[in-house]
C-alpha atoms as a PDB file:
ATOM      1  CA  MET A   1     129.251  83.709  53.016  1.00  0.00           C
ATOM      2  CA  SER A   2     129.636  81.118  56.107  1.00  0.00           C
ATOM      3  CA  ILE A   3     126.376  78.906  56.828  1.00  0.00           C
ATOM      4  CA  LYS A   4     126.120  80.567  59.776  1.00  0.00           C
ATOM      5  CA  GLU A   5     126.153  84.053  58.643  1.00  0.00           C
ATOM      6  CA  VAL A   6     123.462  82.874  56.737  1.00  0.00           C
ATOM      7  CA  GLY A   7     122.039  81.217  58.744  1.00  0.00           C
ATOM      8  CA  LEU A   8     122.734  83.940  61.703  1.00  0.00           C
ATOM      9  CA  PRO A   9     119.804  86.647  60.067  1.00  0.00           C
ATOM     10  CA  ILE A  10     117.196  83.432  59.356  1.00  0.00           C
ATOM     11  CA  PHE A  11     117.581  82.763  63.442  1.00  0.00           C
ATOM     12  CA  LEU A  12     116.665  85.850  64.614  1.00  0.00           C
ATOM     13  CA  ASN A  13     113.792  87.111  61.870  1.00  0.00           C
ATOM     14  CA  LYS A  14     112.073  83.448  63.658  1.00  0.00           C
ATOM     15  CA  ILE A  15     112.042  85.048  66.845  1.00  0.00           C
ATOM     16  CA  ASN A  16     111.110  88.531  66.047  1.00  0.00           C
ATOM     17  CA  LEU A  17     108.281  86.814  64.492  1.00  0.00           C
ATOM     18  CA  LYS A  18     107.397  84.883  67.184  1.00  0.00           C
ATOM     19  CA  LYS A  19     108.303  88.072  69.384  1.00  0.00           C
ATOM     20  CA  LYS A  20     105.013  89.751  67.574  1.00  0.00           C
ATOM     21  CA  GLU A  21     103.232  86.568  67.210  1.00  0.00           C
ATOM     22  CA  ASN A  22     102.962  86.273  71.624  1.00  0.00           C
ATOM     23  CA  GLN A  23     102.211  90.336  71.283  1.00  0.00           C
ATOM     24  CA  LYS A  24      99.240  88.946  69.068  1.00  0.00           C
ATOM     25  CA  LYS A  25      97.687  86.691  71.772  1.00  0.00           C
ATOM     26  CA  LYS A  26      98.410  88.944  74.910  1.00  0.00           C
ATOM     27  CA  ILE A  27      96.856  91.671  72.717  1.00  0.00           C
ATOM     28  CA  LYS A  28      93.964  89.710  71.637  1.00  0.00           C
ATOM     29  CA  GLY A  29      94.254  87.915  74.378  1.00  0.00           C
ATOM     30  CA  LYS A  30      93.901  91.372  76.722  1.00  0.00           C
ATOM     31  CA  GLU A  31      90.829  92.526  74.209  1.00  0.00           C
ATOM     32  CA  ILE A  32      88.807  89.290  75.394  1.00  0.00           C
ATOM     33  CA  LEU A  33      89.260  90.147  78.956  1.00  0.00           C
ATOM     34  CA  GLU A  34      88.100  93.710  77.801  1.00  0.00           C
ATOM     35  CA  LYS A  35      84.976  92.353  76.339  1.00  0.00           C
ATOM     36  CA  ILE A  36      84.154  89.547  79.395  1.00  0.00           C
ATOM     37  CA  THR A  37      84.525  92.362  82.030  1.00  0.00           C
ATOM     38  CA  GLU A  38      81.762  95.154  79.893  1.00  0.00           C
ATOM     39  CA  LYS A  39      79.692  92.300  79.775  1.00  0.00           C
ATOM     40  CA  ILE A  40      80.353  91.602  83.303  1.00  0.00           C
ATOM     41  CA  PHE A  41      79.633  95.215  84.361  1.00  0.00           C
ATOM     42  CA  LEU A  42      76.716  95.891  81.273  1.00  0.00           C
ATOM     43  CA  LEU A  43      75.115  92.246  83.271  1.00  0.00           C
ATOM     44  CA  CYS A  44      75.291  93.564  86.637  1.00  0.00           C
ATOM     45  CA  ALA A  45      73.575  96.691  85.430  1.00  0.00           C
ATOM     46  CA  PHE A  46      71.553  95.237  83.736  1.00  0.00           C
ATOM     47  CA  MET A  47      70.563  93.144  87.325  1.00  0.00           C
ATOM     48  CA  SER A  48      70.460  97.113  89.353  1.00  0.00           C
ATOM     49  CA  VAL A  49      67.838  98.187  86.681  1.00  0.00           C
ATOM     50  CA  LEU A  50      65.310  94.326  86.369  1.00  0.00           C
ATOM     51  CA  SER A  51      65.729  94.177  90.214  1.00  0.00           C
ATOM     52  CA  VAL A  52      64.152  98.456  89.970  1.00  0.00           C
ATOM     53  CA  ALA A  53      62.045  97.491  87.664  1.00  0.00           C
ATOM     54  CA  MET A  54      60.558  94.088  89.429  1.00  0.00           C
ATOM     55  CA  ILE A  55      60.349  95.540  92.760  1.00  0.00           C
ATOM     56  CA  THR A  56      57.902  99.096  90.851  1.00  0.00           C
ATOM     57  CA  ILE A  57      55.779  96.730  89.126  1.00  0.00           C
ATOM     58  CA  PHE A  58      55.430  93.823  92.364  1.00  0.00           C
ATOM     59  CA  ILE A  59      54.283  97.265  94.206  1.00  0.00           C
ATOM     60  CA  PHE A  60      52.371  98.668  92.080  1.00  0.00           C
ATOM     61  CA  VAL A  61      50.386  95.647  91.176  1.00  0.00           C
ATOM     62  CA  LYS A  62      49.998  94.844  94.846  1.00  0.00           C
ATOM     63  CA  GLY A  63      48.382  98.256  95.839  1.00  0.00           C
ATOM     64  CA  SER A  64      47.534  99.459  93.313  1.00  0.00           C
ATOM     65  CA  PRO A  65      43.658  97.589  92.821  1.00  0.00           C
ATOM     66  CA  ALA A  66      43.163  98.626  97.371  1.00  0.00           C
ATOM     67  CA  ILE A  67      43.819 102.107  95.911  1.00  0.00           C
ATOM     68  CA  PHE A  68      41.170 102.182  93.156  1.00  0.00           C
ATOM     69  CA  LYS A  69      38.562 100.185  95.941  1.00  0.00           C
ATOM     70  CA  ILE A  70      38.915 102.544  98.238  1.00  0.00           C
ATOM     71  CA  GLY A  71      39.246 105.361  96.313  1.00  0.00           C
ATOM     72  CA  ILE A  72      42.257 107.329  95.270  1.00  0.00           C
ATOM     73  CA  PHE A  73      40.667 111.252  97.038  1.00  0.00           C
ATOM     74  CA  LYS A  74      39.454 108.671 100.111  1.00  0.00           C
ATOM     75  CA  PHE A  75      42.495 106.950 100.339  1.00  0.00           C
ATOM     76  CA  ILE A  76      45.457 110.077  99.915  1.00  0.00           C
ATOM     77  CA  LEU A  77      43.525 113.038 102.225  1.00  0.00           C
ATOM     78  CA  GLY A  78      40.986 110.607 104.096  1.00  0.00           C
ATOM     79  CA  THR A  79      42.343 111.509 108.261  1.00  0.00           C
ATOM     80  CA  LYS A  80      41.306 108.234 109.790  1.00  0.00           C
ATOM     81  CA  TRP A  81      43.218 104.688 109.204  1.00  0.00           C
ATOM     82  CA  ASN A  82      41.068 101.622 111.440  1.00  0.00           C
ATOM     83  CA  PRO A  83      41.344  98.957 109.415  1.00  0.00           C
ATOM     84  CA  GLU A  84      38.938  97.058 111.618  1.00  0.00           C
ATOM     85  CA  ALA A  85      36.235  99.022 110.281  1.00  0.00           C
ATOM     86  CA  GLU A  86      37.389  99.205 106.718  1.00  0.00           C
ATOM     87  CA  ILE A  87      38.423 102.680 107.006  1.00  0.00           C
ATOM     88  CA  PHE A  88      42.167 103.233 105.291  1.00  0.00           C
ATOM     89  CA  GLY A  89      42.969 107.263 104.929  1.00  0.00           C
ATOM     90  CA  ILE A  90      46.630 107.489 104.837  1.00  0.00           C
ATOM     91  CA  LEU A  91      46.630 112.148 105.442  1.00  0.00           C
ATOM     92  CA  PRO A  92      48.311 111.621 109.089  1.00  0.00           C
ATOM     93  CA  MET A  93      51.104 109.556 107.274  1.00  0.00           C
ATOM     94  CA  ILE A  94      51.732 111.488 104.839  1.00  0.00           C
ATOM     95  CA  LEU A  95      52.422 114.839 106.576  1.00  0.00           C
ATOM     96  CA  GLY A  96      54.114 112.203 109.580  1.00  0.00           C
ATOM     97  CA  SER A  97      56.988 111.360 107.140  1.00  0.00           C
ATOM     98  CA  LEU A  98      57.107 114.645 105.151  1.00  0.00           C
ATOM     99  CA  TYR A  99      57.221 116.714 108.823  1.00  0.00           C
ATOM    100  CA  ALA A 100      59.715 113.810 110.580  1.00  0.00           C
ATOM    101  CA  THR A 101      61.882 114.551 107.478  1.00  0.00           C
ATOM    102  CA  LEU A 102      61.681 118.741 107.254  1.00  0.00           C
ATOM    103  CA  GLY A 103      62.632 118.668 110.922  1.00  0.00           C
ATOM    104  CA  ALA A 104      65.543 116.373 109.970  1.00  0.00           C
ATOM    105  CA  ILE A 105      66.685 118.977 107.458  1.00  0.00           C
ATOM    106  CA  ILE A 106      66.645 121.403 109.463  1.00  0.00           C
ATOM    107  CA  ILE A 107      68.455 119.827 112.431  1.00  0.00           C
ATOM    108  CA  GLY A 108      71.243 117.830 110.773  1.00  0.00           C
ATOM    109  CA  VAL A 109      72.063 119.540 107.658  1.00  0.00           C
ATOM    110  CA  PRO A 110      73.379 123.262 109.418  1.00  0.00           C
ATOM    111  CA  VAL A 111      75.778 120.497 111.322  1.00  0.00           C
ATOM    112  CA  GLY A 112      76.082 118.143 109.305  1.00  0.00           C
ATOM    113  CA  ILE A 113      77.934 120.964 107.015  1.00  0.00           C
ATOM    114  CA  LEU A 114      79.631 122.845 109.381  1.00  0.00           C
ATOM    115  CA  THR A 115      81.219 120.270 111.029  1.00  0.00           C
ATOM    116  CA  ALA A 116      82.301 119.495 107.265  1.00  0.00           C
ATOM    117  CA  VAL A 117      83.782 122.559 106.625  1.00  0.00           C
ATOM    118  CA  PHE A 118      85.664 122.199 110.631  1.00  0.00           C
ATOM    119  CA  ILE A 119      87.047 119.175 109.586  1.00  0.00           C
ATOM    120  CA  ALA A 120      88.139 119.477 106.097  1.00  0.00           C
ATOM    121  CA  GLU A 121      89.515 123.667 106.813  1.00  0.00           C
ATOM    122  CA  ILE A 122      89.946 124.897 110.820  1.00  0.00           C
ATOM    123  CA  ALA A 123      90.579 122.091 112.100  1.00  0.00           C
ATOM    124  CA  PRO A 124      94.309 120.674 112.847  1.00  0.00           C
ATOM    125  CA  LYS A 125      95.247 117.345 111.324  1.00  0.00           C
ATOM    126  CA  TRP A 126      95.543 115.107 115.173  1.00  0.00           C
ATOM    127  CA  LEU A 127      91.865 116.289 115.735  1.00  0.00           C
ATOM    128  CA  VAL A 128      90.145 114.863 112.029  1.00  0.00           C
ATOM    129  CA  ASN A 129      92.306 111.955 112.191  1.00  0.00           C
ATOM    130  CA  ILE A 130      89.773 111.638 116.043  1.00  0.00           C
ATOM    131  CA  ILE A 131      86.053 113.073 113.916  1.00  0.00           C
ATOM    132  CA  LYS A 132      86.494 111.190 111.080  1.00  0.00           C
ATOM    133  CA  PRO A 133      86.642 107.853 112.545  1.00  0.00           C
ATOM    134  CA  ALA A 134      84.322 109.170 114.811  1.00  0.00           C
ATOM    135  CA  VAL A 135      81.623 110.359 112.034  1.00  0.00           C
ATOM    136  CA  GLU A 136      82.319 106.696 109.952  1.00  0.00           C
ATOM    137  CA  LEU A 137      81.213 105.172 113.005  1.00  0.00           C
ATOM    138  CA  LEU A 138      78.619 107.512 113.420  1.00  0.00           C
ATOM    139  CA  ALA A 139      77.399 105.281 109.739  1.00  0.00           C
ATOM    140  CA  GLY A 140      77.972 102.050 111.107  1.00  0.00           C
ATOM    141  CA  ILE A 141      75.737 102.221 114.416  1.00  0.00           C
ATOM    142  CA  PRO A 142      72.152 100.314 113.091  1.00  0.00           C
ATOM    143  CA  SER A 143      68.789 102.034 113.258  1.00  0.00           C
ATOM    144  CA  VAL A 144      67.347 100.577 116.303  1.00  0.00           C
ATOM    145  CA  VAL A 145      70.556 100.902 118.777  1.00  0.00           C
ATOM    146  CA  TYR A 146      69.404 104.909 117.613  1.00  0.00           C
ATOM    147  CA  GLY A 147      66.087 103.786 118.843  1.00  0.00           C
ATOM    148  CA  PHE A 148      66.510 102.537 121.770  1.00  0.00           C
ATOM    149  CA  PHE A 149      69.117 105.351 122.631  1.00  0.00           C
ATOM    150  CA  GLY A 150      66.072 108.063 121.909  1.00  0.00           C
ATOM    151  CA  LEU A 151      63.171 106.076 124.288  1.00  0.00           C
ATOM    152  CA  LEU A 152      65.782 106.011 127.086  1.00  0.00           C
ATOM    153  CA  THR A 153      67.560 109.555 126.720  1.00  0.00           C
ATOM    154  CA  ILE A 154      66.066 112.178 124.178  1.00  0.00           C
ATOM    155  CA  VAL A 155      62.019 111.042 125.158  1.00  0.00           C
ATOM    156  CA  PRO A 156      62.517 111.429 128.780  1.00  0.00           C
ATOM    157  CA  LEU A 157      64.567 114.710 128.330  1.00  0.00           C
ATOM    158  CA  ILE A 158      61.703 116.165 126.250  1.00  0.00           C
ATOM    159  CA  SER A 159      59.272 114.345 128.621  1.00  0.00           C
ATOM    160  CA  LYS A 160      60.453 116.250 131.291  1.00  0.00           C
ATOM    161  CA  ASN A 161      60.854 119.520 129.586  1.00  0.00           C
ATOM    162  CA  PHE A 162      58.207 119.594 128.218  1.00  0.00           C
ATOM    163  CA  GLY A 163      55.975 117.728 128.779  1.00  0.00           C
ATOM    164  CA  GLY A 164      53.343 114.644 127.669  1.00  0.00           C
ATOM    165  CA  PRO A 165      54.777 111.303 126.959  1.00  0.00           C
ATOM    166  CA  GLY A 166      58.247 111.754 125.646  1.00  0.00           C
ATOM    167  CA  ASN A 167      57.051 109.870 122.212  1.00  0.00           C
ATOM    168  CA  SER A 168      56.676 112.354 120.298  1.00  0.00           C
ATOM    169  CA  LEU A 169      57.619 114.353 116.287  1.00  0.00           C
ATOM    170  CA  LEU A 170      60.651 116.404 118.590  1.00  0.00           C
ATOM    171  CA  ALA A 171      62.252 112.974 118.673  1.00  0.00           C
ATOM    172  CA  VAL A 172      61.771 112.081 115.719  1.00  0.00           C
ATOM    173  CA  CYS A 173      63.741 114.741 114.259  1.00  0.00           C
ATOM    174  CA  ILE A 174      65.719 114.915 116.987  1.00  0.00           C
ATOM    175  CA  ILE A 175      66.844 111.579 116.176  1.00  0.00           C
ATOM    176  CA  LEU A 176      66.496 111.436 112.008  1.00  0.00           C
ATOM    177  CA  GLY A 177      68.741 114.514 112.274  1.00  0.00           C
ATOM    178  CA  ILE A 178      72.052 112.483 114.053  1.00  0.00           C
ATOM    179  CA  MET A 179      71.176 109.300 110.987  1.00  0.00           C
ATOM    180  CA  ILE A 180      71.549 112.012 108.496  1.00  0.00           C
ATOM    181  CA  LEU A 181      74.630 113.551 110.101  1.00  0.00           C
ATOM    182  CA  PRO A 182      77.824 110.778 108.576  1.00  0.00           C
ATOM    183  CA  THR A 183      75.904 110.461 105.050  1.00  0.00           C
ATOM    184  CA  ILE A 184      75.872 114.601 105.027  1.00  0.00           C
ATOM    185  CA  ILE A 185      80.155 115.496 106.825  1.00  0.00           C
ATOM    186  CA  SER A 186      81.233 112.172 104.798  1.00  0.00           C
ATOM    187  CA  ILE A 187      79.950 114.051 101.188  1.00  0.00           C
ATOM    188  CA  SER A 188      80.066 117.221 102.239  1.00  0.00           C
ATOM    189  CA  GLU A 189      83.808 117.343 103.030  1.00  0.00           C
ATOM    190  CA  ASN A 190      85.182 114.808  99.769  1.00  0.00           C
ATOM    191  CA  SER A 191      83.622 117.536  98.217  1.00  0.00           C
ATOM    192  CA  ILE A 192      84.539 120.680 100.013  1.00  0.00           C
ATOM    193  CA  ARG A 193      88.653 118.588  99.734  1.00  0.00           C
ATOM    194  CA  ALA A 194      87.878 118.481  96.244  1.00  0.00           C
ATOM    195  CA  VAL A 195      88.352 122.965  95.738  1.00  0.00           C
ATOM    196  CA  PRO A 196      90.633 123.581  93.625  1.00  0.00           C
ATOM    197  CA  LYS A 197      93.494 125.413  96.005  1.00  0.00           C
ATOM    198  CA  GLU A 198      93.843 128.383  93.749  1.00  0.00           C
ATOM    199  CA  TYR A 199      90.349 129.370  94.571  1.00  0.00           C
ATOM    200  CA  LYS A 200      91.533 130.009  98.065  1.00  0.00           C
ATOM    201  CA  GLU A 201      95.050 131.016  98.048  1.00  0.00           C
ATOM    202  CA  GLY A 202      93.060 133.829  95.086  1.00  0.00           C
ATOM    203  CA  SER A 203      90.424 134.804  97.930  1.00  0.00           C
ATOM    204  CA  LEU A 204      93.244 134.799 100.515  1.00  0.00           C
ATOM    205  CA  ALA A 205      95.500 136.844  98.225  1.00  0.00           C
ATOM    206  CA  MET A 206      93.118 139.956  97.118  1.00  0.00           C
ATOM    207  CA  GLY A 207      92.686 140.177 101.205  1.00  0.00           C
ATOM    208  CA  ALA A 208      89.478 137.972 102.497  1.00  0.00           C
ATOM    209  CA  SER A 209      89.205 136.221 106.014  1.00  0.00           C
ATOM    210  CA  ARG A 210      89.941 132.234 106.251  1.00  0.00           C
ATOM    211  CA  ILE A 211      86.174 133.024 106.749  1.00  0.00           C
ATOM    212  CA  GLN A 212      85.138 134.843 104.988  1.00  0.00           C
ATOM    213  CA  THR A 213      87.145 132.596 101.888  1.00  0.00           C
ATOM    214  CA  ILE A 214      85.226 129.333 103.137  1.00  0.00           C
ATOM    215  CA  PHE A 215      81.602 130.852 103.444  1.00  0.00           C
ATOM    216  CA  LYS A 216      82.318 132.652 100.164  1.00  0.00           C
ATOM    217  CA  VAL A 217      84.281 130.682  98.194  1.00  0.00           C
ATOM    218  CA  ILE A 218      85.062 126.583  98.682  1.00  0.00           C
ATOM    219  CA  LEU A 219      81.222 126.287  99.340  1.00  0.00           C
ATOM    220  CA  PRO A 220      79.795 127.883  96.678  1.00  0.00           C
ATOM    221  CA  ALA A 221      81.985 125.810  94.400  1.00  0.00           C
ATOM    222  CA  SER A 222      81.252 122.587  96.638  1.00  0.00           C
ATOM    223  CA  LYS A 223      77.573 123.346  96.383  1.00  0.00           C
ATOM    224  CA  SER A 224      76.950 120.444  93.956  1.00  0.00           C
ATOM    225  CA  GLY A 225      78.254 117.829  96.009  1.00  0.00           C
ATOM    226  CA  ILE A 226      76.812 119.498  99.114  1.00  0.00           C
ATOM    227  CA  MET A 227      73.377 119.080  97.838  1.00  0.00           C
ATOM    228  CA  ALA A 228      74.538 115.068  96.568  1.00  0.00           C
ATOM    229  CA  GLY A 229      75.104 113.762 100.253  1.00  0.00           C
ATOM    230  CA  ILE A 230      71.655 116.870 101.595  1.00  0.00           C
ATOM    231  CA  VAL A 231      69.765 114.015  99.027  1.00  0.00           C
ATOM    232  CA  LEU A 232      70.794 111.542  99.950  1.00  0.00           C
ATOM    233  CA  GLY A 233      70.323 111.797 104.020  1.00  0.00           C
ATOM    234  CA  ILE A 234      66.934 112.952 103.483  1.00  0.00           C
ATOM    235  CA  GLY A 235      66.786 109.503 101.716  1.00  0.00           C
ATOM    236  CA  ARG A 236      67.398 107.736 104.255  1.00  0.00           C
ATOM    237  CA  ALA A 237      65.155 110.526 106.799  1.00  0.00           C
ATOM    238  CA  ILE A 238      62.492 109.350 104.813  1.00  0.00           C
ATOM    239  CA  GLY A 239      63.360 105.008 104.401  1.00  0.00           C
ATOM    240  CA  GLU A 240      64.125 104.865 108.517  1.00  0.00           C
ATOM    241  CA  THR A 241      61.904 102.272 110.079  1.00  0.00           C
ATOM    242  CA  MET A 242      62.826 100.672 112.956  1.00  0.00           C
ATOM    243  CA  ALA A 243      64.427 103.416 115.220  1.00  0.00           C
ATOM    244  CA  VAL A 244      60.900 105.841 114.218  1.00  0.00           C
ATOM    245  CA  ILE A 245      58.677 102.984 115.543  1.00  0.00           C
ATOM    246  CA  LEU A 246      60.424 103.040 118.649  1.00  0.00           C
ATOM    247  CA  ILE A 247      60.789 106.680 119.459  1.00  0.00           C
ATOM    248  CA  SER A 248      57.138 108.409 117.773  1.00  0.00           C
ATOM    249  CA  GLY A 249      54.326 106.854 119.635  1.00  0.00           C
ATOM    250  CA  ASN A 250      52.993 106.091 116.397  1.00  0.00           C
ATOM    251  CA  ALA A 251      50.155 107.328 117.243  1.00  0.00           C
ATOM    252  CA  ALA A 252      47.569 107.500 113.127  1.00  0.00           C
ATOM    253  CA  ILE A 253      46.555 111.524 113.971  1.00  0.00           C
ATOM    254  CA  ILE A 254      48.083 114.545 112.008  1.00  0.00           C
ATOM    255  CA  PRO A 255      50.177 116.221 114.813  1.00  0.00           C
ATOM    256  CA  LYS A 256      48.920 119.719 115.328  1.00  0.00           C
ATOM    257  CA  SER A 257      52.336 120.279 117.748  1.00  0.00           C
ATOM    258  CA  ILE A 258      55.762 119.160 117.687  1.00  0.00           C
ATOM    259  CA  LEU A 259      55.574 117.547 120.631  1.00  0.00           C
ATOM    260  CA  LYS A 260      52.810 115.063 119.324  1.00  0.00           C
ATOM    261  CA  PRO A 261      53.129 111.505 118.626  1.00  0.00           C
ATOM    262  CA  ILE A 262      53.019 110.676 114.442  1.00  0.00           C
ATOM    263  CA  ARG A 263      53.553 107.745 113.334  1.00  0.00           C
ATOM    264  CA  THR A 264      55.489 107.501 109.372  1.00  0.00           C
ATOM    265  CA  LEU A 265      54.096 105.571 105.536  1.00  0.00           C
ATOM    266  CA  THR A 266      57.049 103.095 106.691  1.00  0.00           C
ATOM    267  CA  ALA A 267      56.367 102.799 109.942  1.00  0.00           C
ATOM    268  CA  ASN A 268      52.546 102.089 109.827  1.00  0.00           C
ATOM    269  CA  VAL A 269      53.115  99.320 107.303  1.00  0.00           C
ATOM    270  CA  ALA A 270      55.944  97.145 109.781  1.00  0.00           C
ATOM    271  CA  LEU A 271      53.420  97.798 112.487  1.00  0.00           C
ATOM    272  CA  GLU A 272      50.537  95.983 110.561  1.00  0.00           C
ATOM    273  CA  MET A 273      51.821  94.234 107.558  1.00  0.00           C
ATOM    274  CA  GLY A 274      52.023  90.787 110.036  1.00  0.00           C
ATOM    275  CA  TYR A 275      48.979  90.453 110.852  1.00  0.00           C
ATOM    276  CA  ALA A 276      47.387  92.927 107.698  1.00  0.00           C
ATOM    277  CA  PHE A 277      45.108  90.603 105.989  1.00  0.00           C
ATOM    278  CA  GLY A 278      42.469  91.293 103.470  1.00  0.00           C
ATOM    279  CA  LEU A 279      42.381  95.333 101.848  1.00  0.00           C
ATOM    280  CA  ALA A 280      43.973  95.612 105.278  1.00  0.00           C
ATOM    281  CA  GLU A 281      47.332  93.912 102.950  1.00  0.00           C
ATOM    282  CA  GLU A 282      46.063  95.439 100.179  1.00  0.00           C
ATOM    283  CA  ALA A 283      46.040  99.429 101.393  1.00  0.00           C
ATOM    284  CA  LEU A 284      49.438  98.353 102.661  1.00  0.00           C
ATOM    285  CA  PHE A 285      50.934  97.705  99.979  1.00  0.00           C
ATOM    286  CA  ALA A 286      49.173 100.602  98.635  1.00  0.00           C
ATOM    287  CA  THR A 287      50.647 102.660 101.494  1.00  0.00           C
ATOM    288  CA  GLY A 288      54.317 101.885 100.102  1.00  0.00           C
ATOM    289  CA  VAL A 289      52.943 102.477  96.784  1.00  0.00           C
ATOM    290  CA  ILE A 290      52.263 106.537  97.494  1.00  0.00           C
ATOM    291  CA  LEU A 291      55.709 106.319  99.511  1.00  0.00           C
ATOM    292  CA  PHE A 292      57.177 104.962  96.658  1.00  0.00           C
ATOM    293  CA  ILE A 293      55.168 107.859  94.221  1.00  0.00           C
ATOM    294  CA  PHE A 294      56.146 110.310  97.051  1.00  0.00           C
ATOM    295  CA  ILE A 295      60.407 109.021  96.958  1.00  0.00           C
ATOM    296  CA  ILE A 296      60.628 109.659  93.379  1.00  0.00           C
ATOM    297  CA  ILE A 297      59.161 113.742  92.969  1.00  0.00           C
ATOM    298  CA  LEU A 298      61.704 114.067  96.109  1.00  0.00           C
ATOM    299  CA  ASN A 299      64.382 112.793  94.243  1.00  0.00           C
ATOM    300  CA  ILE A 300      63.133 114.775  90.975  1.00  0.00           C
ATOM    301  CA  ILE A 301      63.067 117.422  92.725  1.00  0.00           C
ATOM    302  CA  LEU A 302      65.853 117.299  94.618  1.00  0.00           C
ATOM    303  CA  ASN A 303      67.822 116.053  91.022  1.00  0.00           C
ATOM    304  CA  ILE A 304      67.193 119.242  89.200  1.00  0.00           C
ATOM    305  CA  LEU A 305      68.040 121.548  92.333  1.00  0.00           C
ATOM    306  CA  THR A 306      71.103 119.860  92.032  1.00  0.00           C
ATOM    307  CA  HIS A 307      71.652 120.056  88.449  1.00  0.00           C
ATOM    308  CA  LYS A 308      70.623 123.615  88.532  1.00  0.00           C
ATOM    309  CA  VAL A 309      73.424 124.259  91.560  1.00  0.00           C
ATOM    310  CA  GLY A 310      75.652 122.160  89.981  1.00  0.00           C
ATOM    311  CA  GLU A 311      75.579 124.360  87.190  1.00  0.00           C
END
């Protein structure tokens, strides 16, 4: 056997060993990169939780003393808000927030779901290409623009047709109903499109009409995602401030009619925080505590409903 014949296998073995070493290095490099990525994701998740915890602690630390100074029941069930006389009752604001959110749900949820059905199941492609960008644009409009729109169009229409100043619960319900539409439409449409085609085809094959298939098969199958969209829409309605300030009238009274002015919890804080001091400032932080607790309870209830609907 010649020297070349002996040396060739050795040379090939060396090449194979180098390849294996390079592969091991690449695998180790990928493992290190994956571990670093996992740590970054963990840090981001921790930052999110830490931010929520810090905000919660801050609000409760700043707001809780006022609740105990004023009295829990006196603060929550009080019907008058007069910081100058140190009278702090937020029941009108609580009811104002509840009524406004309920009105937004009544107006926005049916329109949003039916629009999502139209986009996903009925509309031709050329029309979908027009409606979807319009819905996305609706989501990007600042809340103050909605407020100006309501102030210059909705409020005068209400005043002209129903009397009164026009700044009312009805105006707030209409504007909030419009504002939650993009969220409900987008999430509901994605949920409807995610329903397997076999469900639809099976329903049609059994003799059901298109509309029957939509309402008896597709919507029940996508109700979990639709509920998630409704929850997010309600969250936006509860937290809206700027648009509500412009059109609600901001009267701290219990509304006895949808044509009466209202003040929400968020609007109450935004309107008076700039010049409040002492107990009045603490009472505004306490209002934030009540709003925070209210949102947590609402989210828990809606999440339970969402899980039940999903099951």
